Amino acid sequence: MQPIPWGDLQDFLAIARAGQIARAAAQVGVDATTIGRRLRRLEARLGATLFEQTREGQVLTEAGERLLAQVEAMQRASERIGETPEGDRDTLSGLLRISVSEGFGTWLVAEHLYDFAARHPALTIDLVASSGFLSPSKREADLAVLLDRPSAGPVVASKLADYTLRLYASRGYLDRHGTPTRETIAADHRLVGYIPDLLYSPELRYLREIDAGLSPVLRSSSINAQARLIASGAGVGVLPHFIAGGDPDLVRVMPAVEIARAFWLVTHRDTRQLRRVRAFRAWLVELVTRHRAQLIGP
C-alpha cells in the first residue's frame, strides 16, 4: 500500500476533534466537499469505515478510534520536531492558538498581547476571543481560558484568576430613570443581559443571583455588545469590573450586589509541555497577577 499522505491524516484528525465535517473543513480552510472526499479516500486506502454519520455529526467507529490514537501520537511527535531547541530559549516558532472568553480576550489579553508577540516574533498567534470556546481536549486550541473547570477529558486545569462583576448603568440613564434599588429594579428598569438559550456556560446567569425574578429585555450573546448597550443608556446590566471599572460614564448601582467568578486555564495534557505553550501560560499568569486590581476592583 502506498504511504498515506500526512495531509489526509490531519484532515481525519480535524474531523475527529470537531465532530462535524463542516466544522472541521472551516478549521482546516477548505470546503466540506473537499474534506469529505479526502475522508472517503482515506477510508478506501485503509479498507475501513472511520466514522458513523449521526444527526449531530460524525462519530468515530472502533477503527476510527484506533487510527485516532496513532494519528495523535504522530501529531505530538510532529509538534516536538517543530519546537526550537532548548538551548535557544528566546526563539519560539510555529502556531499558538488561544481560546478565551470575548470580554477577557478583548479587554485584557488583546490590550497586552503585543508584549508577548514582541518577545517571540517568529510565533504566529491566534487569539480566538468569542462567545464560546475551542476545546483543548479536542486539540482545537493550545490553551483555553474557561469560565468553569472541566470535569472530564485529557486536560490539565488550574485557576488563573478571580474576577468580580457588578451592576452598572450610564449617568444619562440614571438621570432619566433614577437609581435602581432591589425594590424597583424589576418593575421600573430596563435590564440588559444574555440571551438565555444561547448561554455557553451556566456561570453567565448573573441576574438570577441578584433576584430569581429578574429577566433582561435587551439581550445579546456578546458581553461587548451588552457593555455598549449599557454605556449608551439603554438599560442596567451586569458587567465585569475589568470592562466597566475604567469607564467614567458608567456608575455602579446597588453597591451590595457583587458577583464573584473565576477564570480557569486549561491545556491538553499531551501538549502542555511544549515550549510555546509553557511560555504563554507563564506570561498570562504574570499578566493577571499584575492586573489583579483591574479584575477584582476595589
Protein backbone atom coordinates (compact mmCIF):
# COMPACT_ATOMS: atom_id res chain seq x y z
CA MET A 1 0.00 0.00 0.00
CA GLN A 2 1.26 3.47 -0.87
CA PRO A 3 2.14 5.70 2.09
CA ILE A 4 -0.86 7.67 3.33
CA PRO A 5 -0.42 11.43 2.81
CA TRP A 6 0.05 13.23 6.12
CA GLY A 7 -2.50 15.81 4.98
CA ASP A 8 -5.23 13.15 4.78
CA LEU A 9 -4.44 12.06 8.34
CA GLN A 10 -4.55 15.67 9.54
CA ASP A 11 -7.97 16.07 7.91
CA PHE A 12 -9.12 12.91 9.69
CA LEU A 13 -7.82 14.34 12.96
CA ALA A 14 -9.68 17.60 12.37
CA ILE A 15 -12.98 15.73 11.79
CA ALA A 16 -12.44 13.56 14.87
CA ARG A 17 -11.84 16.60 17.07
CA ALA A 18 -14.56 18.80 15.59
CA GLY A 19 -17.21 16.08 15.40
CA GLN A 20 -18.60 17.52 12.17
CA ILE A 21 -17.21 17.60 8.65
CA ALA A 22 -18.39 21.18 8.05
CA ARG A 23 -16.79 22.47 11.24
CA ALA A 24 -13.55 20.59 10.52
CA ALA A 25 -13.48 21.98 6.98
CA ALA A 26 -13.78 25.53 8.31
CA GLN A 27 -10.89 24.95 10.71
CA VAL A 28 -8.69 23.41 8.01
CA GLY A 29 -9.59 26.12 5.50
CA VAL A 30 -11.25 24.04 2.78
CA ASP A 31 -14.86 23.37 1.82
CA ALA A 32 -16.83 20.46 3.27
CA THR A 33 -16.93 18.65 -0.08
CA THR A 34 -13.14 18.58 -0.28
CA ILE A 35 -12.56 17.28 3.24
CA GLY A 36 -15.35 14.72 2.76
CA ARG A 37 -13.68 13.46 -0.43
CA ARG A 38 -10.35 13.16 1.37
CA LEU A 39 -12.01 11.18 4.16
CA ARG A 40 -13.54 8.73 1.66
CA ARG A 41 -10.12 8.37 0.02
CA LEU A 42 -8.54 7.58 3.38
CA GLU A 43 -11.25 5.04 4.23
CA ALA A 44 -10.74 3.37 0.83
CA ARG A 45 -6.98 3.13 1.41
CA LEU A 46 -7.49 1.57 4.85
CA GLY A 47 -10.45 -0.57 3.86
CA ALA A 48 -12.35 0.59 6.95
CA THR A 49 -15.17 2.94 7.89
CA LEU A 50 -13.76 5.55 10.29
CA PHE A 51 -16.92 7.48 11.21
CA GLU A 52 -20.61 6.83 11.64
CA GLN A 53 -22.97 9.57 10.48
CA THR A 54 -25.41 10.74 13.18
CA ARG A 55 -27.79 13.67 13.47
CA GLU A 56 -25.16 15.54 15.48
CA GLY A 57 -22.33 14.81 13.04
CA GLN A 58 -19.51 12.28 12.75
CA VAL A 59 -18.85 9.71 15.49
CA LEU A 60 -15.73 7.54 15.46
CA THR A 61 -16.06 3.82 14.80
CA GLU A 62 -13.76 1.31 16.52
CA ALA A 63 -11.44 1.52 13.53
CA GLY A 64 -11.56 5.30 13.79
CA GLU A 65 -10.70 5.19 17.48
CA ARG A 66 -7.65 3.02 16.76
CA LEU A 67 -6.49 5.34 13.99
CA LEU A 68 -7.07 8.41 16.16
CA ALA A 69 -4.67 7.12 18.83
CA GLN A 70 -1.99 6.58 16.18
CA VAL A 71 -2.50 9.92 14.45
CA GLU A 72 -2.49 11.86 17.72
CA ALA A 73 0.84 10.22 18.57
CA MET A 74 2.15 11.30 15.14
CA GLN A 75 0.85 14.82 15.72
CA ARG A 76 2.59 15.07 19.08
CA ALA A 77 5.85 13.89 17.51
CA SER A 78 5.43 16.46 14.72
CA GLU A 79 4.91 19.24 17.25
CA ARG A 80 8.02 18.24 19.18
CA ILE A 81 10.07 18.27 15.95
CA GLY A 82 8.85 21.82 15.30
CA GLU A 83 9.96 23.05 18.69
CA THR A 84 13.04 25.25 18.86
CA PRO A 85 16.00 23.54 20.59
CA GLU A 86 16.09 24.07 24.32
CA GLY A 87 19.39 25.93 24.06
CA ASP A 88 17.77 28.79 22.13
CA ARG A 89 15.24 29.76 24.76
CA ASP A 90 14.33 33.14 23.33
CA THR A 91 13.20 31.77 19.95
CA LEU A 92 9.75 30.25 19.62
CA SER A 93 8.11 29.46 16.31
CA GLY A 94 5.03 27.74 14.94
CA LEU A 95 1.37 28.40 15.68
CA LEU A 96 -0.09 29.13 19.11
CA ARG A 97 -3.88 29.16 19.31
CA ILE A 98 -5.52 30.59 22.43
CA SER A 99 -9.26 30.41 23.15
CA VAL A 100 -10.61 32.95 25.63
CA SER A 101 -13.94 34.49 26.54
CA GLU A 102 -14.85 37.54 24.48
CA GLY A 103 -14.65 40.05 27.31
CA PHE A 104 -11.41 38.81 28.87
CA GLY A 105 -9.82 38.38 25.46
CA THR A 106 -10.80 41.85 24.27
CA TRP A 107 -10.30 43.94 27.38
CA LEU A 108 -7.23 42.36 28.96
CA VAL A 109 -5.39 39.86 26.74
CA ALA A 110 -5.61 41.78 23.45
CA GLU A 111 -4.58 45.01 25.15
CA HIS A 112 -1.27 43.49 26.29
CA LEU A 113 -0.60 40.72 23.76
CA TYR A 114 1.84 42.94 21.84
CA ASP A 115 4.29 42.36 24.72
CA PHE A 116 4.30 38.57 24.30
CA ALA A 117 4.32 38.85 20.50
CA ALA A 118 7.29 41.22 20.58
CA ARG A 119 9.26 38.74 22.66
CA HIS A 120 8.57 35.95 20.16
CA PRO A 121 8.38 37.48 16.67
CA ALA A 122 8.66 34.11 14.88
CA LEU A 123 5.49 32.83 16.58
CA THR A 124 2.09 33.03 14.87
CA ILE A 125 -0.62 33.70 17.49
CA ASP A 126 -4.34 33.06 17.04
CA LEU A 127 -6.41 34.84 19.70
CA VAL A 128 -9.89 33.31 19.48
CA ALA A 129 -11.98 35.68 21.62
CA SER A 130 -15.63 34.78 21.19
CA SER A 131 -18.85 33.83 22.95
CA GLY A 132 -17.94 30.16 23.21
CA PHE A 133 -14.70 28.26 23.40
CA LEU A 134 -12.49 25.98 21.36
CA SER A 135 -11.73 22.72 23.13
CA PRO A 136 -8.22 21.88 24.37
CA SER A 137 -9.38 18.27 24.93
CA LYS A 138 -10.11 18.01 21.19
CA ARG A 139 -6.88 19.88 20.41
CA GLU A 140 -8.82 22.77 18.82
CA ALA A 141 -6.71 25.17 20.89
CA ASP A 142 -3.37 25.01 22.67
CA LEU A 143 -4.71 26.85 25.70
CA ALA A 144 -8.17 27.96 26.76
CA VAL A 145 -9.33 30.32 29.48
CA LEU A 146 -12.70 28.96 30.58
CA LEU A 147 -15.40 30.15 32.96
CA ASP A 148 -15.66 26.83 34.75
CA ARG A 149 -13.29 23.95 35.43
CA PRO A 150 -13.65 20.99 33.04
CA SER A 151 -14.91 17.85 34.74
CA ALA A 152 -13.56 15.39 32.18
CA GLY A 153 -11.19 14.99 29.27
CA PRO A 154 -7.42 14.68 28.77
CA VAL A 155 -6.73 18.18 30.08
CA VAL A 156 -4.92 19.92 32.90
CA ALA A 157 -6.78 22.81 34.52
CA SER A 158 -5.77 25.37 37.12
CA LYS A 159 -7.39 28.53 38.42
CA LEU A 160 -6.00 31.52 36.58
CA ALA A 161 -7.68 34.40 38.41
CA ASP A 162 -10.76 35.51 40.29
CA TYR A 163 -12.78 38.40 38.93
CA THR A 164 -15.76 40.45 40.05
CA LEU A 165 -18.95 41.60 38.32
CA ARG A 166 -21.32 44.36 39.43
CA LEU A 167 -24.44 46.19 38.27
CA TYR A 168 -23.84 49.28 36.15
CA ALA A 169 -25.81 52.00 34.38
CA SER A 170 -24.77 55.11 32.49
CA ARG A 171 -25.06 58.58 34.02
CA GLY A 172 -27.54 59.52 31.31
CA TYR A 173 -29.75 56.53 32.10
CA LEU A 174 -29.76 57.37 35.81
CA ASP A 175 -30.66 60.99 35.07
CA ARG A 176 -33.67 59.84 33.06
CA HIS A 177 -34.86 56.86 35.09
CA GLY A 178 -33.47 57.25 38.59
CA THR A 179 -31.24 54.86 40.50
CA PRO A 180 -32.47 51.26 40.73
CA THR A 181 -32.94 49.56 44.08
CA ARG A 182 -33.87 46.00 44.96
CA GLU A 183 -37.47 47.16 45.26
CA THR A 184 -37.61 48.97 41.90
CA ILE A 185 -35.19 47.23 39.56
CA ALA A 186 -37.61 44.58 38.25
CA ALA A 187 -40.60 46.84 37.64
CA ASP A 188 -39.09 50.21 36.80
CA HIS A 189 -35.89 49.50 34.89
CA ARG A 190 -34.84 48.02 31.56
CA LEU A 191 -32.34 45.19 32.06
CA VAL A 192 -29.54 44.21 29.71
CA GLY A 193 -28.20 40.64 29.68
CA TYR A 194 -27.51 37.42 27.86
CA ILE A 195 -29.91 35.53 25.58
CA PRO A 196 -30.92 32.60 27.83
CA ASP A 197 -30.96 29.85 25.21
CA LEU A 198 -27.59 30.93 23.78
CA LEU A 199 -25.67 30.82 27.06
CA TYR A 200 -22.45 28.85 26.62
CA SER A 201 -21.85 28.49 30.37
CA PRO A 202 -24.15 28.41 33.43
CA GLU A 203 -21.67 30.81 35.05
CA LEU A 204 -23.24 33.58 32.92
CA ARG A 205 -26.61 33.51 34.71
CA TYR A 206 -25.79 36.66 36.63
CA LEU A 207 -29.21 38.26 37.08
CA ARG A 208 -30.62 35.19 38.83
CA GLU A 209 -28.06 35.66 41.58
CA ILE A 210 -29.43 39.13 42.22
CA ASP A 211 -33.09 38.13 42.11
CA ALA A 212 -34.67 34.98 40.65
CA GLY A 213 -37.36 37.10 39.02
CA LEU A 214 -35.05 39.34 37.01
CA SER A 215 -35.06 38.89 33.25
CA PRO A 216 -33.31 41.00 30.59
CA VAL A 217 -35.35 42.64 27.85
CA LEU A 218 -32.31 43.86 25.87
CA ARG A 219 -30.34 40.70 25.20
CA SER A 220 -27.13 39.80 23.39
CA SER A 221 -24.80 36.82 23.20
CA SER A 222 -21.90 39.31 23.28
CA ILE A 223 -20.64 40.86 26.52
CA ASN A 224 -19.06 43.64 24.45
CA ALA A 225 -22.43 44.43 22.88
CA GLN A 226 -24.01 44.44 26.34
CA ALA A 227 -21.34 46.86 27.54
CA ARG A 228 -22.10 49.19 24.64
CA LEU A 229 -25.84 48.98 25.32
CA ILE A 230 -25.34 49.89 28.97
CA ALA A 231 -22.87 52.68 28.16
CA SER A 232 -25.31 54.15 25.61
CA GLY A 233 -28.00 54.49 28.27
CA ALA A 234 -30.18 51.63 27.03
CA GLY A 235 -30.50 49.93 30.41
CA VAL A 236 -28.96 48.45 33.54
CA GLY A 237 -26.80 45.32 33.45
CA VAL A 238 -24.08 43.21 34.99
CA LEU A 239 -20.54 43.78 33.73
CA PRO A 240 -17.11 42.58 34.84
CA HIS A 241 -15.07 45.20 36.65
CA PHE A 242 -12.30 44.82 34.04
CA ILE A 243 -14.76 46.17 31.44
CA ALA A 244 -16.77 48.74 33.37
CA GLY A 245 -14.43 49.83 36.15
CA GLY A 246 -12.38 52.14 33.95
CA ASP A 247 -15.30 53.87 32.21
CA PRO A 248 -16.07 57.23 33.88
CA ASP A 249 -19.55 57.33 32.31
CA LEU A 250 -20.61 54.07 33.95
CA VAL A 251 -21.89 54.16 37.52
CA ARG A 252 -22.11 51.21 39.85
CA VAL A 253 -25.63 50.79 41.19
CA MET A 254 -26.95 48.67 44.06
CA PRO A 255 -23.48 48.51 45.71
CA ALA A 256 -24.41 45.45 47.76
CA VAL A 257 -24.53 43.40 44.55
CA GLU A 258 -21.18 41.74 43.91
CA ILE A 259 -20.82 38.58 41.86
CA ALA A 260 -17.64 36.50 42.11
CA ARG A 261 -16.36 34.32 39.28
CA ALA A 262 -13.07 32.70 38.25
CA PHE A 263 -11.15 32.04 35.05
CA TRP A 264 -9.63 28.59 34.56
CA LEU A 265 -6.54 27.98 32.45
CA VAL A 266 -6.82 24.71 30.53
CA THR A 267 -4.30 22.86 28.37
CA HIS A 268 -4.21 19.41 26.81
CA ARG A 269 -2.08 17.11 28.95
CA ASP A 270 -0.05 15.96 25.91
CA THR A 271 0.91 19.44 24.71
CA ARG A 272 1.16 21.44 27.92
CA GLN A 273 4.95 21.00 27.99
CA LEU A 274 5.50 22.43 24.52
CA ARG A 275 7.75 25.45 24.94
CA ARG A 276 5.37 27.88 23.23
CA VAL A 277 2.53 26.69 25.47
CA ARG A 278 4.65 26.95 28.62
CA ALA A 279 5.83 30.41 27.62
CA PHE A 280 2.35 31.78 27.04
CA ARG A 281 0.99 30.18 30.21
CA ALA A 282 3.73 31.84 32.27
CA TRP A 283 3.15 35.20 30.53
CA LEU A 284 -0.61 35.03 31.11
CA VAL A 285 -0.24 34.16 34.80
CA GLU A 286 2.13 37.09 35.21
CA LEU A 287 -0.31 39.37 33.34
CA VAL A 288 -3.31 38.61 35.56
CA THR A 289 -1.14 38.90 38.67
CA ARG A 290 -0.09 42.42 37.62
CA HIS A 291 -3.67 43.40 36.79
CA ARG A 292 -5.43 41.81 39.74
CA ALA A 293 -6.94 45.16 40.76
CA GLN A 294 -8.45 45.52 37.28
CA LEU A 295 -10.06 42.09 37.62
CA ILE A 296 -11.28 42.36 41.21
CA GLY A 297 -11.88 46.07 41.70
CA PRO A 298 -11.99 47.99 44.96
